[in-house]
Amino acid sequence: MRGAAPAFLLALCIAAPAQAEGGPTDAQRAAFIAAITANDCKMTEAEAEVQLPAVGVDRDTSAQITEALISAGLAELDEDKSVLTLKTEGCPE
């Protein structure tokens, strides 16, 4: 799964605490999307390392949410795989 977005996901996963079984909660997913939406619908690795833990989303959870959004066509990575851009309702293309 992590092959789809190696750089961004790797940065989010380094030294990540173990996530409880069952994956991200709806609240964590909503906080993740809200944080990136508020950041002009884009987030770099460096921004994610600071902003996402502040809203209760750790690295492992970030990686899981990122992969799910990319798989669903609701997010994409730039050519360098270092900037995540949302393509959700609140983020016009």
C-alpha atoms as a PDB file:
ATOM      1  CA  MET A   1       0.000   0.000   0.000  1.00  0.00           C
ATOM      2  CA  ARG A   2       2.698   2.497   0.818  1.00  0.00           C
ATOM      3  CA  GLY A   3       4.184   2.238  -2.664  1.00  0.00           C
ATOM      4  CA  ALA A   4       1.582   4.681  -3.997  1.00  0.00           C
ATOM      5  CA  ALA A   5       2.931   7.591  -2.002  1.00  0.00           C
ATOM      6  CA  PRO A   6       6.375   6.670  -0.735  1.00  0.00           C
ATOM      7  CA  ALA A   7       7.999   9.961   0.284  1.00  0.00           C
ATOM      8  CA  PHE A   8       5.022  11.562   1.994  1.00  0.00           C
ATOM      9  CA  LEU A   9       3.914   8.373   3.711  1.00  0.00           C
ATOM     10  CA  LEU A  10       7.448   7.487   4.760  1.00  0.00           C
ATOM     11  CA  ALA A  11       7.846  10.889   6.369  1.00  0.00           C
ATOM     12  CA  LEU A  12       4.569  10.427   8.210  1.00  0.00           C
ATOM     13  CA  CYS A  13       5.429   6.904   9.348  1.00  0.00           C
ATOM     14  CA  ILE A  14       8.944   7.364  10.717  1.00  0.00           C
ATOM     15  CA  ALA A  15       8.898   6.583  14.432  1.00  0.00           C
ATOM     16  CA  ALA A  16       5.109   6.419  14.437  1.00  0.00           C
ATOM     17  CA  PRO A  17       3.462   5.053  17.549  1.00  0.00           C
ATOM     18  CA  ALA A  18       1.405   1.927  17.126  1.00  0.00           C
ATOM     19  CA  GLN A  19      -2.161   2.561  15.990  1.00  0.00           C
ATOM     20  CA  ALA A  20      -4.990   0.731  17.654  1.00  0.00           C
ATOM     21  CA  GLU A  21      -6.637  -1.989  15.579  1.00  0.00           C
ATOM     22  CA  GLY A  22      -9.385  -0.785  13.304  1.00  0.00           C
ATOM     23  CA  GLY A  23      -7.594   2.183  11.775  1.00  0.00           C
ATOM     24  CA  PRO A  24      -8.392   5.879  12.004  1.00  0.00           C
ATOM     25  CA  THR A  25     -11.596   7.057  13.603  1.00  0.00           C
ATOM     26  CA  ASP A  26     -14.115   9.262  11.800  1.00  0.00           C
ATOM     27  CA  ALA A  27     -13.055  12.122  14.084  1.00  0.00           C
ATOM     28  CA  GLN A  28      -9.391  11.683  13.153  1.00  0.00           C
ATOM     29  CA  ARG A  29     -10.230  11.573   9.452  1.00  0.00           C
ATOM     30  CA  ALA A  30     -12.356  14.715   9.796  1.00  0.00           C
ATOM     31  CA  ALA A  31      -9.600  16.519  11.729  1.00  0.00           C
ATOM     32  CA  PHE A  32      -7.023  15.495   9.109  1.00  0.00           C
ATOM     33  CA  ILE A  33      -9.178  16.795   6.248  1.00  0.00           C
ATOM     34  CA  ALA A  34     -10.087  19.987   8.136  1.00  0.00           C
ATOM     35  CA  ALA A  35      -6.430  20.748   8.905  1.00  0.00           C
ATOM     36  CA  ILE A  36      -5.370  20.347   5.286  1.00  0.00           C
ATOM     37  CA  THR A  37      -8.425  22.231   3.999  1.00  0.00           C
ATOM     38  CA  ALA A  38      -7.566  25.131   6.316  1.00  0.00           C
ATOM     39  CA  ASN A  39      -4.008  25.035   4.912  1.00  0.00           C
ATOM     40  CA  ASP A  40      -5.241  25.969   1.416  1.00  0.00           C
ATOM     41  CA  CYS A  41      -6.055  22.314   0.641  1.00  0.00           C
ATOM     42  CA  LYS A  42      -2.361  21.366   0.467  1.00  0.00           C
ATOM     43  CA  MET A  43       0.156  20.220   3.030  1.00  0.00           C
ATOM     44  CA  THR A  44       3.875  19.538   2.872  1.00  0.00           C
ATOM     45  CA  GLU A  45       5.625  16.869   4.902  1.00  0.00           C
ATOM     46  CA  ALA A  46       7.064  19.518   7.234  1.00  0.00           C
ATOM     47  CA  GLU A  47       3.667  21.129   7.784  1.00  0.00           C
ATOM     48  CA  ALA A  48       2.074  17.740   8.431  1.00  0.00           C
ATOM     49  CA  GLU A  49       4.623  16.898  11.117  1.00  0.00           C
ATOM     50  CA  VAL A  50       3.562  19.993  13.088  1.00  0.00           C
ATOM     51  CA  GLN A  51      -0.087  20.576  12.235  1.00  0.00           C
ATOM     52  CA  LEU A  52      -1.546  17.080  12.254  1.00  0.00           C
ATOM     53  CA  PRO A  53      -0.393  16.050  15.748  1.00  0.00           C
ATOM     54  CA  ALA A  54      -1.850  19.355  16.972  1.00  0.00           C
ATOM     55  CA  VAL A  55      -5.306  18.145  15.886  1.00  0.00           C
ATOM     56  CA  GLY A  56      -4.863  14.657  17.341  1.00  0.00           C
ATOM     57  CA  VAL A  57      -3.623  12.781  14.275  1.00  0.00           C
ATOM     58  CA  ASP A  58      -0.320  10.940  14.739  1.00  0.00           C
ATOM     59  CA  ARG A  59       2.013   9.845  11.942  1.00  0.00           C
ATOM     60  CA  ASP A  60       0.686   6.318  11.578  1.00  0.00           C
ATOM     61  CA  THR A  61      -2.883   7.540  11.444  1.00  0.00           C
ATOM     62  CA  SER A  62      -1.875  10.244   8.943  1.00  0.00           C
ATOM     63  CA  ALA A  63      -0.348   7.620   6.688  1.00  0.00           C
ATOM     64  CA  GLN A  64      -3.476   5.472   6.840  1.00  0.00           C
ATOM     65  CA  ILE A  65      -5.772   8.393   6.077  1.00  0.00           C
ATOM     66  CA  THR A  66      -3.499   9.637   3.290  1.00  0.00           C
ATOM     67  CA  GLU A  67      -3.447   6.241   1.599  1.00  0.00           C
ATOM     68  CA  ALA A  68      -7.232   5.887   1.876  1.00  0.00           C
ATOM     69  CA  LEU A  69      -7.842   9.352   0.413  1.00  0.00           C
ATOM     70  CA  ILE A  70      -5.453   8.724  -2.484  1.00  0.00           C
ATOM     71  CA  SER A  71      -7.049   5.337  -3.165  1.00  0.00           C
ATOM     72  CA  ALA A  72     -10.496   6.950  -3.210  1.00  0.00           C
ATOM     73  CA  GLY A  73      -9.341   9.691  -5.594  1.00  0.00           C
ATOM     74  CA  LEU A  74      -9.850  12.357  -2.927  1.00  0.00           C
ATOM     75  CA  ALA A  75      -6.187  13.386  -2.686  1.00  0.00           C
ATOM     76  CA  GLU A  76      -3.047  13.354  -4.759  1.00  0.00           C
ATOM     77  CA  LEU A  77       0.670  13.875  -4.317  1.00  0.00           C
ATOM     78  CA  ASP A  78       2.828  16.221  -6.370  1.00  0.00           C
ATOM     79  CA  GLU A  79       5.594  14.899  -8.631  1.00  0.00           C
ATOM     80  CA  ASP A  80       8.092  14.906  -5.763  1.00  0.00           C
ATOM     81  CA  LYS A  81       5.621  13.017  -3.544  1.00  0.00           C
ATOM     82  CA  SER A  82       6.118  15.644  -0.837  1.00  0.00           C
ATOM     83  CA  VAL A  83       2.945  17.760  -1.059  1.00  0.00           C
ATOM     84  CA  LEU A  84      -0.485  16.265  -0.492  1.00  0.00           C
ATOM     85  CA  THR A  85      -3.375  18.065  -2.199  1.00  0.00           C
ATOM     86  CA  LEU A  86      -6.968  17.333  -1.272  1.00  0.00           C
ATOM     87  CA  LYS A  87      -9.641  16.963  -3.906  1.00  0.00           C
ATOM     88  CA  THR A  88     -12.536  16.886  -1.471  1.00  0.00           C
ATOM     89  CA  GLU A  89     -15.733  18.938  -1.469  1.00  0.00           C
ATOM     90  CA  GLY A  90     -14.110  21.803   0.430  1.00  0.00           C
ATOM     91  CA  CYS A  91     -11.127  21.916  -1.926  1.00  0.00           C
ATOM     92  CA  PRO A  92     -12.015  22.965  -5.452  1.00  0.00           C
ATOM     93  CA  GLU A  93      -9.526  21.876  -8.064  1.00  0.00           C
END
